[in-house]
Protein backbone atom coordinates (compact mmCIF):
# COMPACT_ATOMS: atom_id res chain seq x y z
CA UNK A 1 -25.48 142.37 -17.68
CA UNK A 2 -25.56 141.95 -21.14
CA UNK A 3 -24.70 145.49 -21.96
CA UNK A 4 -21.91 145.33 -18.85
CA UNK A 5 -20.85 142.45 -21.04
CA UNK A 6 -21.14 144.00 -24.59
CA UNK A 7 -19.16 147.85 -23.07
CA UNK A 8 -16.40 144.99 -21.58
CA UNK A 9 -15.88 143.27 -24.92
CA UNK A 10 -15.80 146.84 -26.56
CA UNK A 11 -13.17 148.11 -24.50
CA UNK A 12 -11.44 145.26 -24.85
CA UNK A 13 -11.02 144.76 -28.31
CA UNK A 14 -10.19 148.33 -27.95
CA UNK A 15 -7.39 147.75 -25.75
CA UNK A 16 -5.76 144.91 -28.28
CA UNK A 17 -6.10 146.86 -30.85
CA UNK A 18 -4.14 149.90 -29.66
CA UNK A 19 -1.22 146.95 -28.89
CA UNK A 20 -1.19 146.10 -32.01
CA UNK A 21 -1.01 149.39 -33.61
CA UNK A 22 1.88 150.41 -31.27
CA UNK A 23 3.93 147.37 -31.77
CA UNK A 24 3.30 148.12 -35.88
CA UNK A 25 4.12 151.93 -35.08
CA UNK A 26 7.53 150.89 -33.68
CA UNK A 27 7.96 147.79 -35.59
CA UNK A 28 7.68 150.21 -38.53
CA UNK A 29 10.04 153.27 -36.62
CA UNK A 30 12.89 150.67 -35.92
CA UNK A 31 12.79 148.85 -38.99
CA UNK A 32 16.56 149.29 -39.85
CA UNK A 33 17.32 147.39 -36.99
CA UNK A 34 16.30 144.22 -38.29
CA UNK A 35 16.31 144.69 -42.41
CA UNK A 36 18.36 141.56 -43.50
CA UNK A 37 21.13 144.38 -45.34
CA UNK A 38 22.48 141.27 -47.54
CA UNK A 39 19.29 141.02 -49.25
CA UNK A 40 18.81 144.63 -51.59
CA UNK A 41 16.89 143.14 -54.70
CA UNK A 42 13.67 140.63 -55.93
CA UNK A 43 15.94 138.40 -58.14
CA UNK A 44 16.79 136.63 -55.35
CA UNK A 45 18.89 133.70 -55.45
CA UNK A 46 19.29 130.49 -53.56
CA UNK A 47 22.99 131.12 -52.90
CA UNK A 48 21.97 134.54 -51.34
CA UNK A 49 19.88 133.17 -48.73
CA UNK A 50 22.34 129.97 -48.14
CA UNK A 51 24.62 132.00 -45.91
CA UNK A 52 22.17 133.36 -43.77
CA UNK A 53 20.61 129.77 -43.29
CA UNK A 54 23.82 128.84 -41.58
CA UNK A 55 24.11 131.49 -39.64
CA UNK A 56 20.74 130.48 -37.93
CA UNK A 57 22.36 126.51 -38.06
CA UNK A 58 24.33 128.61 -35.11
CA UNK A 59 21.55 130.14 -32.85
CA UNK A 60 19.73 127.46 -30.63
CA UNK A 61 16.68 129.02 -30.66
CA UNK A 62 16.18 128.29 -34.26
CA UNK A 63 16.29 124.82 -35.55
CA UNK A 64 17.13 124.49 -39.50
CA UNK A 65 16.38 121.23 -41.17
CA UNK A 66 16.30 120.49 -44.50
CA UNK A 67 13.44 119.59 -46.02
CA UNK A 68 14.07 117.90 -49.22
CA UNK A 69 15.49 119.32 -53.05
CA UNK A 70 14.13 120.90 -55.86
CA UNK A 71 14.33 119.07 -59.58
CA UNK A 72 17.58 120.37 -59.65
CA UNK A 73 18.87 119.60 -56.48
CA UNK A 74 18.58 123.02 -54.46
CA UNK A 75 18.08 122.20 -50.92
CA UNK A 76 14.33 123.70 -49.22
CA UNK A 77 14.80 124.55 -45.53
CA UNK A 78 12.41 124.26 -42.65
CA UNK A 79 13.16 127.01 -40.28
CA UNK A 80 11.23 127.27 -36.93
CA UNK A 81 10.97 129.17 -33.61
CA UNK A 82 9.26 128.98 -30.39
CA UNK A 83 7.93 126.43 -28.15
CA UNK A 84 3.89 127.40 -28.36
CA UNK A 85 1.17 124.95 -28.59
CA UNK A 86 0.25 126.40 -31.37
CA UNK A 87 1.80 126.45 -34.62
CA UNK A 88 1.97 128.69 -37.45
CA UNK A 89 3.43 128.02 -40.64
CA UNK A 90 4.28 130.53 -43.42
CA UNK A 91 6.06 129.75 -47.14
CA UNK A 92 7.11 132.24 -49.67
CA UNK A 93 8.19 132.21 -53.42
CA UNK A 94 6.44 129.44 -54.78
CA UNK A 95 6.38 131.24 -57.85
CA UNK A 96 10.88 131.86 -58.26
CA UNK A 97 9.91 135.43 -59.52
CA UNK A 98 7.77 136.50 -56.41
CA UNK A 99 10.57 137.30 -53.47
CA UNK A 100 9.20 140.28 -51.57
CA UNK A 101 8.05 137.88 -48.59
CA UNK A 102 11.41 136.04 -48.68
CA UNK A 103 13.25 139.53 -48.02
CA UNK A 104 10.84 140.19 -45.22
CA UNK A 105 11.07 136.32 -43.63
CA UNK A 106 15.15 137.37 -43.09
CA UNK A 107 13.67 140.29 -41.58
CA UNK A 108 12.34 138.50 -39.05
CA UNK A 109 14.86 135.70 -38.28
CA UNK A 110 16.87 139.15 -37.16
CA UNK A 111 13.73 140.84 -35.33
CA UNK A 112 14.15 137.13 -33.41
CA UNK A 113 17.82 137.03 -32.92
CA UNK A 114 18.31 140.60 -31.18
CA UNK A 115 17.85 141.46 -27.79
CA UNK A 116 16.32 144.62 -27.62
CA UNK A 117 12.69 147.22 -26.35
CA UNK A 118 10.59 144.26 -27.96
CA UNK A 119 11.82 141.38 -25.48
CA UNK A 120 7.95 140.95 -23.91
CA UNK A 121 6.28 141.05 -27.68
CA UNK A 122 9.34 138.23 -28.07
CA UNK A 123 8.13 136.59 -25.58
CA UNK A 124 4.64 136.30 -25.73
CA UNK A 125 5.34 135.37 -29.40
CA UNK A 126 7.84 132.10 -28.59
CA UNK A 127 5.99 131.03 -25.58
CA UNK A 128 2.68 130.49 -27.50
CA UNK A 129 3.41 129.61 -30.94
CA UNK A 130 6.08 127.42 -32.15
CA UNK A 131 6.23 128.53 -35.86
CA UNK A 132 7.17 127.25 -39.55
CA UNK A 133 9.15 129.09 -42.11
CA UNK A 134 9.99 127.12 -45.94
CA UNK A 135 11.47 130.69 -47.50
CA UNK A 136 11.85 129.86 -51.05
CA UNK A 137 9.71 127.24 -51.87
CA UNK A 138 10.28 127.31 -55.69
CA UNK A 139 14.75 128.11 -55.95
CA UNK A 140 15.03 126.95 -59.40
CA UNK A 141 12.16 129.15 -60.33
CA UNK A 142 13.68 131.50 -58.67
CA UNK A 143 17.21 130.71 -60.49
CA UNK A 144 15.72 131.64 -63.79
CA UNK A 145 13.77 134.11 -62.72
CA UNK A 146 10.32 133.10 -63.41
CA UNK A 147 6.96 132.07 -62.06
CA UNK A 148 6.89 127.88 -63.05
CA UNK A 149 9.57 125.37 -61.58
CA UNK A 150 11.67 123.81 -64.20
CA UNK A 151 9.27 121.55 -64.77
CA UNK A 152 7.90 124.15 -66.15
CA UNK A 153 4.58 123.72 -63.83
CA UNK A 154 3.08 126.49 -61.41
CA UNK A 155 3.27 124.80 -57.85
CA UNK A 156 -0.03 126.12 -57.14
CA UNK A 157 -2.21 124.39 -59.07
CA UNK A 158 -0.56 121.09 -58.55
CA UNK A 159 -1.83 120.29 -55.04
CA UNK A 160 -3.46 117.84 -56.02
CA UNK A 161 -1.34 115.36 -58.77
CA UNK A 162 2.07 116.83 -56.45
CA UNK A 163 4.01 116.65 -60.28
CA UNK A 164 6.82 119.10 -58.96
CA UNK A 165 9.06 117.74 -56.08
CA UNK A 166 8.54 121.21 -54.37
CA UNK A 167 4.43 120.86 -54.39
CA UNK A 168 5.02 117.32 -52.78
CA UNK A 169 7.50 118.22 -49.95
CA UNK A 170 4.88 121.75 -49.01
CA UNK A 171 2.21 119.32 -48.89
CA UNK A 172 3.96 116.90 -47.36
CA UNK A 173 5.30 119.44 -44.46
CA UNK A 174 1.36 120.87 -43.67
CA UNK A 175 0.52 117.68 -43.35
CA UNK A 176 3.25 116.73 -40.60
CA UNK A 177 2.96 119.95 -39.21
CA UNK A 178 -1.02 120.33 -38.69
CA UNK A 179 -0.78 124.10 -38.45
CA UNK A 180 -3.27 126.45 -36.74
CA UNK A 181 -2.38 129.45 -38.96
CA UNK A 182 -0.88 129.59 -42.64
CA UNK A 183 0.58 132.34 -44.67
CA UNK A 184 0.64 131.87 -48.23
CA UNK A 185 3.41 134.76 -49.31
CA UNK A 186 3.23 136.03 -52.92
CA UNK A 187 3.94 139.12 -55.10
CA UNK A 188 0.57 140.09 -57.81
CA UNK A 189 1.06 142.12 -60.77
CA UNK A 190 2.10 145.38 -60.43
CA UNK A 191 -1.25 146.45 -62.90
CA UNK A 192 -3.86 146.38 -59.63
CA UNK A 193 -5.42 149.62 -57.63
CA UNK A 194 -7.60 149.38 -54.95
CA UNK A 195 -11.23 148.89 -56.49
CA UNK A 196 -11.96 152.18 -58.55
CA UNK A 197 -9.21 154.24 -57.52
CA UNK A 198 -6.26 155.42 -58.33
CA UNK A 199 -4.30 153.69 -55.77
CA UNK A 200 -2.28 150.83 -56.20
CA UNK A 201 -2.53 148.03 -54.40
CA UNK A 202 0.46 147.90 -52.23
CA UNK A 203 -0.91 144.66 -49.82
CA UNK A 204 -3.94 142.52 -51.07
CA UNK A 205 -5.24 140.21 -48.82
CA UNK A 206 -8.02 136.85 -49.07
CA UNK A 207 -9.08 134.15 -46.84
CA UNK A 208 -9.43 131.85 -49.72
CA UNK A 209 -12.46 129.96 -50.35
CA UNK A 210 -13.48 126.07 -49.31
CA UNK A 211 -15.99 125.68 -52.34
CA UNK A 212 -17.25 126.89 -55.19
CA UNK A 213 -20.22 128.63 -52.22
CA UNK A 214 -17.37 130.33 -50.84
CA UNK A 215 -18.82 129.04 -47.61
CA UNK A 216 -17.68 130.13 -44.64
CA UNK A 217 -16.83 127.99 -41.37
CA UNK A 218 -14.84 128.69 -37.65
CA UNK A 219 -11.52 127.88 -39.81
CA UNK A 220 -12.07 130.79 -42.57
CA UNK A 221 -13.61 132.87 -40.23
CA UNK A 222 -10.78 133.17 -37.85
CA UNK A 223 -8.56 133.87 -41.35
CA UNK A 224 -10.83 137.11 -41.89
CA UNK A 225 -10.89 137.73 -38.57
CA UNK A 226 -7.17 138.31 -38.50
CA UNK A 227 -7.38 139.97 -41.61
CA UNK A 228 -9.65 142.71 -40.57
CA UNK A 229 -7.25 143.22 -37.61
CA UNK A 230 -3.80 143.22 -39.84
CA UNK A 231 -6.16 145.77 -42.69
CA UNK A 232 -6.84 147.78 -39.07
CA UNK A 233 -3.12 148.26 -38.46
CA UNK A 234 -1.54 148.60 -42.08
CA UNK A 235 -4.04 151.57 -42.64
CA UNK A 236 -2.08 153.80 -40.94
CA UNK A 237 0.60 153.40 -43.07
CA UNK A 238 -0.70 153.15 -46.59
CA UNK A 239 -4.36 154.32 -46.40
CA UNK A 240 -6.20 153.25 -48.96
CA UNK A 241 -4.06 151.28 -50.92
CA UNK A 242 -5.00 147.81 -49.17
CA UNK A 243 -7.63 145.68 -51.76
CA UNK A 244 -8.87 142.19 -51.69
CA UNK A 245 -7.35 139.21 -54.35
CA UNK A 246 -10.60 137.72 -55.95
CA UNK A 247 -11.99 134.49 -53.80
CA UNK A 248 -12.95 132.24 -56.11
CA UNK A 249 -12.53 128.88 -55.49
CA UNK A 250 -9.21 127.13 -56.92
CA UNK A 251 -9.13 123.36 -56.08
CA UNK A 252 -5.58 123.00 -57.22
CA UNK A 253 -4.23 125.77 -55.35
CA UNK A 254 -2.58 125.26 -52.16
CA UNK A 255 -4.24 127.99 -49.77
CA UNK A 256 -7.77 127.01 -50.80
CA UNK A 257 -7.27 123.45 -49.79
CA UNK A 258 -5.31 124.20 -46.69
CA UNK A 259 -8.18 126.36 -45.45
CA UNK A 260 -10.61 123.32 -46.85
CA UNK A 261 -8.41 120.64 -44.28
CA UNK A 262 -8.60 122.99 -41.18
CA UNK A 263 -5.92 125.49 -40.91
CA UNK A 264 -7.14 128.94 -41.37
CA UNK A 265 -4.79 130.82 -44.24
CA UNK A 266 -4.03 133.77 -45.31
CA UNK A 267 -2.97 135.01 -48.88
CA UNK A 268 -0.91 138.05 -48.92
CA UNK A 269 -0.22 139.48 -52.30
CA UNK A 270 2.45 142.14 -52.72
CA UNK A 271 2.05 144.78 -54.93
CA UNK A 272 3.59 147.60 -55.69
CA UNK A 273 4.64 151.45 -54.20
CA UNK A 274 5.57 153.83 -56.62
CA UNK A 275 9.19 154.88 -56.99
CA UNK A 276 9.97 151.45 -55.37
CA UNK A 277 11.26 148.84 -58.57
CA UNK A 278 13.05 146.67 -55.86
CA UNK A 279 10.09 146.50 -53.22
CA UNK A 280 11.83 147.32 -50.06
CA UNK A 281 8.90 149.37 -48.88
CA UNK A 282 6.35 146.61 -49.64
CA UNK A 283 9.08 144.29 -48.06
CA UNK A 284 8.97 146.68 -45.52
CA UNK A 285 5.09 146.37 -44.93
CA UNK A 286 5.61 142.53 -44.96
CA UNK A 287 7.35 142.82 -41.75
CA UNK A 288 5.47 144.37 -40.24
CA UNK A 289 1.95 143.09 -41.12
CA UNK A 290 3.59 139.08 -39.98
CA UNK A 291 5.67 140.04 -36.58
CA UNK A 292 1.73 141.84 -35.85
CA UNK A 293 -0.50 138.75 -37.11
CA UNK A 294 2.38 136.55 -34.77
CA UNK A 295 1.71 138.58 -31.95
CA UNK A 296 -2.12 138.87 -32.64
CA UNK A 297 -2.29 134.91 -32.76
CA UNK A 298 0.20 134.69 -29.76
CA UNK A 299 -2.78 136.70 -27.80
CA UNK A 300 -5.86 135.32 -29.34
CA UNK A 301 -6.46 138.78 -29.53
CA UNK A 302 -7.78 138.81 -33.31
CA UNK A 303 -10.72 136.27 -32.21
CA UNK A 304 -12.29 139.46 -30.83
CA UNK A 305 -12.23 141.29 -34.77
CA UNK A 306 -15.47 141.75 -36.34
CA UNK A 307 -15.03 140.21 -39.91
CA UNK A 308 -17.17 143.13 -41.27
CA UNK A 309 -13.66 145.24 -41.80
CA UNK A 310 -12.37 141.98 -44.19
CA UNK A 311 -15.81 142.14 -46.10
CA UNK A 312 -15.25 145.81 -46.87
CA UNK A 313 -11.84 146.09 -48.62
CA UNK A 314 -12.27 146.87 -51.90
CA UNK A 315 -11.23 144.24 -54.92
CA UNK A 316 -8.00 144.13 -56.51
CA UNK A 317 -8.76 145.67 -60.02
CA UNK A 318 -6.12 145.86 -63.37
CA UNK A 319 -6.31 149.65 -63.70
CA UNK A 320 -3.03 151.13 -63.40
CA UNK A 321 -0.62 152.15 -66.27
CA UNK A 322 3.42 152.77 -65.71
CA UNK A 323 2.51 156.46 -67.97
CA UNK A 324 -0.69 157.74 -69.21
CA UNK A 325 -0.91 160.16 -71.36
CA UNK A 326 -4.68 161.29 -71.88
CA UNK A 327 -6.36 163.74 -75.00
CA UNK A 328 -3.72 163.67 -77.25
CA UNK A 329 -4.58 164.35 -81.29
CA UNK A 330 -3.18 161.69 -83.35
CA UNK A 331 -2.84 161.63 -87.18
CA UNK A 332 -2.99 158.10 -87.73
CA UNK A 333 -2.79 158.52 -91.44
CA UNK A 334 -6.68 158.49 -92.24
CA UNK A 335 -8.02 161.11 -89.92
CA UNK A 336 -7.00 163.25 -87.01
CA UNK A 337 -8.02 161.65 -83.57
CA UNK A 338 -8.27 162.13 -80.19
CA UNK A 339 -6.78 159.58 -77.72
CA UNK A 340 -5.29 158.55 -74.76
CA UNK A 341 -1.68 155.95 -74.47
CA UNK A 342 -1.84 153.57 -71.45
CA UNK A 343 2.58 152.36 -71.70
CA UNK A 344 3.77 150.08 -69.66
CA UNK A 345 7.22 149.59 -68.50
CA UNK A 346 8.36 145.88 -68.33
CA UNK A 347 11.17 144.75 -66.83
CA UNK A 348 13.45 141.96 -69.01
CA UNK A 349 15.86 140.00 -67.44
CA UNK A 350 19.41 139.89 -68.82
CA UNK A 351 23.13 138.28 -67.44
CA UNK A 352 21.38 134.69 -66.05
CA UNK A 353 18.73 137.09 -64.72
CA UNK A 354 20.27 138.88 -62.15
CA UNK A 355 19.94 142.15 -63.71
CA UNK A 356 17.38 144.00 -65.93
CA UNK A 357 16.33 146.46 -68.33
CA UNK A 358 13.41 148.16 -69.39
CA UNK A 359 11.47 147.51 -72.80
CA UNK A 360 8.22 149.93 -73.10
CA UNK A 361 5.04 148.71 -74.71
CA UNK A 362 2.04 150.85 -75.79
CA UNK A 363 -0.33 148.30 -72.94
CA UNK A 364 -4.02 150.24 -74.75
CA UNK A 365 -5.16 153.21 -76.26
CA UNK A 366 -8.52 155.06 -76.44
CA UNK A 367 -10.56 155.96 -74.04
CA UNK A 368 -9.28 155.40 -71.10
CA UNK A 369 -10.69 157.38 -68.47
CA UNK A 370 -11.43 155.07 -66.33
CA UNK A 371 -7.53 153.61 -65.59
CA UNK A 372 -5.07 155.36 -63.81
CA UNK A 373 -1.25 155.63 -64.24
CA UNK A 374 1.49 156.18 -61.78
CA UNK A 375 2.26 159.35 -64.10
CA UNK A 376 -0.35 160.30 -65.73
CA UNK A 377 -0.80 163.65 -67.85
CA UNK A 378 -3.62 166.26 -69.86
CA UNK A 379 -2.06 166.84 -73.09
CA UNK A 380 -5.51 168.00 -74.37
CA UNK A 381 -4.16 170.74 -77.21
CA UNK A 382 -1.12 168.54 -78.02
CA UNK A 383 -0.10 166.50 -80.98
CA UNK A 384 1.50 163.38 -80.77
CA UNK A 385 3.86 161.82 -83.60
CA UNK A 386 5.90 158.82 -84.01
CA UNK A 387 9.57 159.91 -83.28
CA UNK A 388 12.43 159.52 -85.94
CA UNK A 389 15.51 158.07 -87.23
CA UNK A 390 18.12 160.33 -87.64
CA UNK A 391 19.56 159.99 -91.09
CA UNK A 392 23.31 160.98 -89.86
CA UNK A 393 25.43 157.83 -88.57
CA UNK A 394 27.46 158.66 -85.29
CA UNK A 395 30.57 156.78 -85.80
CA UNK A 396 30.93 155.84 -81.91
CA UNK A 397 29.26 156.07 -78.94
CA UNK A 398 31.98 158.61 -77.06
CA UNK A 399 30.64 161.27 -80.03
CA UNK A 400 27.08 160.91 -78.90
CA UNK A 401 27.53 161.25 -75.45
CA UNK A 402 29.09 164.39 -76.46
CA UNK A 403 26.10 165.30 -78.55
CA UNK A 404 23.11 167.87 -77.35
CA UNK A 405 20.67 165.47 -77.50
CA UNK A 406 17.93 168.23 -77.10
CA UNK A 407 18.41 169.17 -80.24
CA UNK A 408 17.08 166.14 -81.95
CA UNK A 409 13.99 165.71 -79.85
CA UNK A 410 13.39 169.33 -81.15
CA UNK A 411 13.56 168.38 -84.50
CA UNK A 412 11.48 164.85 -83.59
CA UNK A 413 14.36 162.31 -83.58
CA UNK A 414 13.61 159.37 -80.78
CA UNK A 415 16.23 157.44 -82.80
CA UNK A 416 20.07 157.32 -83.86
CA UNK A 417 21.96 155.09 -86.55
CA UNK A 418 25.16 153.92 -84.54
CA UNK A 419 27.99 153.31 -87.23
CA UNK A 420 29.86 150.61 -84.97
CA UNK A 421 27.96 147.44 -85.08
CA UNK A 422 29.42 146.11 -81.83
CA UNK A 423 27.45 145.97 -79.03
CA UNK A 424 26.66 143.59 -76.66
CA UNK A 425 23.27 144.69 -74.82
CA UNK A 426 20.14 145.27 -75.54
CA UNK A 427 19.73 148.94 -74.36
CA UNK A 428 22.15 151.88 -73.40
CA UNK A 429 21.64 154.13 -70.62
CA UNK A 430 22.21 157.00 -73.50
CA UNK A 431 17.98 159.07 -73.61
CA UNK A 432 17.79 158.20 -76.92
CA UNK A 433 17.54 154.73 -78.74
CA UNK A 434 20.16 153.34 -81.30
CA UNK A 435 20.05 151.47 -84.30
CA UNK A 436 22.68 149.03 -85.18
CA UNK A 437 20.80 148.82 -89.02
CA UNK A 438 19.58 151.42 -91.71
CA UNK A 439 15.54 150.25 -90.69
CA UNK A 440 13.80 154.01 -90.51
CA UNK A 441 10.62 154.29 -88.27
CA UNK A 442 7.52 156.02 -90.63
CA UNK A 443 5.79 159.31 -89.35
CA UNK A 444 1.97 157.38 -90.01
CA UNK A 445 0.37 154.71 -90.80
CA UNK A 446 2.13 151.94 -88.12
CA UNK A 447 -0.06 150.86 -85.31
CA UNK A 448 0.35 152.35 -81.61
CA UNK A 449 -1.55 149.60 -80.03
CA UNK A 450 1.90 146.99 -78.89
CA UNK A 451 4.43 149.77 -80.56
CA UNK A 452 7.81 150.60 -78.46
CA UNK A 453 6.59 154.17 -77.20
CA UNK A 454 8.79 156.53 -78.78
CA UNK A 455 6.94 159.81 -79.24
CA UNK A 456 7.05 163.87 -80.12
CA UNK A 457 4.61 165.56 -78.19
CA UNK A 458 4.26 169.22 -79.91
CA UNK A 459 1.73 171.94 -79.37
CA UNK A 460 1.01 174.62 -82.45
CA UNK A 461 4.65 173.18 -84.26
CA UNK A 462 6.89 173.16 -80.87
CA UNK A 463 8.23 170.38 -79.19
CA UNK A 464 7.30 170.49 -75.84
CA UNK A 465 7.74 167.20 -74.89
CA UNK A 466 9.37 163.37 -75.53
CA UNK A 467 8.96 159.94 -74.81
CA UNK A 468 11.66 157.88 -74.91
CA UNK A 469 11.32 153.93 -74.71
CA UNK A 470 8.28 154.95 -72.55
CA UNK A 471 9.28 157.54 -70.12
CA UNK A 472 8.66 160.88 -70.39
CA UNK A 473 10.94 163.81 -70.54
CA UNK A 474 10.83 167.71 -70.96
CA UNK A 475 12.27 169.23 -74.00
CA UNK A 476 11.43 172.62 -74.12
CA UNK A 477 11.95 172.47 -70.31
CA UNK A 478 13.60 170.05 -67.95
CA UNK A 479 11.21 167.23 -66.37
CA UNK A 480 12.29 163.63 -66.37
CA UNK A 481 14.34 160.63 -66.11
CA UNK A 482 14.97 157.72 -69.08
CA UNK A 483 16.14 154.78 -66.92
CA UNK A 484 17.50 152.96 -70.40
CA UNK A 485 16.65 153.22 -74.08
CA UNK A 486 16.80 150.25 -76.61
CA UNK A 487 19.53 148.93 -78.85
CA UNK A 488 18.00 147.16 -82.44
């Protein structure tokens, strides 16, 4: 009898998992039907979502309420759909510069507004769940593309003191809803790898801890089971790119406290995918993950899943550089050493944070054999030298645009001087740095660590590559592209 029960349970689990995977695969293939096409970038502003929320007000299936206002008076909304007994609460962008999930929530709204082949799935979800969304909890931070609120306080460390109106609003909403499940939606560092591997952590999950002992009760156990279900589903799209966020108990954080107060909470941290600066692929994964999660909660299929999958998810580890150059010879002014260079391409906001340019930094040097790069190269036998500034001034940008810059690279130059001091931007789309003064870059004796990566890479006295503002380009043969160089 027991064997028969176990067999039936196994078959049931396999069937429900197959349904989840079938749903996810279909969502993946049909995503463009639901993608909100007005949202194209991660520097998302409050003004961009307002017309979309206004459109939802006209849809009889949605309830849209003004939940409150930010410190600077921007409206924060609570949007709901469904008529089921089980409540689910999803909130995004507690940190103003973490908009990936916010974009995905508007894709989800489109999903529920269309008539298509997913009607049966939607019916199951909406008859069994009442779903509440609070997109962009921190609109003031979003306006400045910064993590913290206009008070310079991190909302996710303000659960107890409630010094920000945004934290107070989020906590009051939570206490009013008393949801069965909560989804805490964030973006994480782009430097995280999955354990000790070269694979970026595209998605990281966490069932937040209840206490410093990391106890597991039935509430947290349900979080783990649901994450196990979602991990198994996501592996078909991003195998090896799923990690676990650190589970140290944080008594000031919302997710930890919501878990402690009886809501099974799932933290989803959106990471990075190569060549996806605006997080559009990760946004798609969020959409698929959240719809699949809602279906699993509605059908209670997660209850049959083992927590072993959750327990076996590798930890996030900070191991990835944007560019990793290995085994370069370098004369540091005292002796010739062999070193690796880890270079990060940092986004710098400008024009009221709606746009950005890249300003790269040499983040680490030495033996970086335990690290990886989104792009990495073994330069054994090659020599690194600092880029020089071309001594003759160019009269204008137009003159510089006509010049064969490859000739400058071959002579060791990564910077040029411009006669005109009028330049409105701190960067240029030309693949060479522009200096508006007569400062010269020394060949040796300067620190590599923390410097701007503008280098020449040569072999047997011949230049093969140049690094311009952290972008590797071929000199002897075409390779790579400089997104932008710097103006100083």
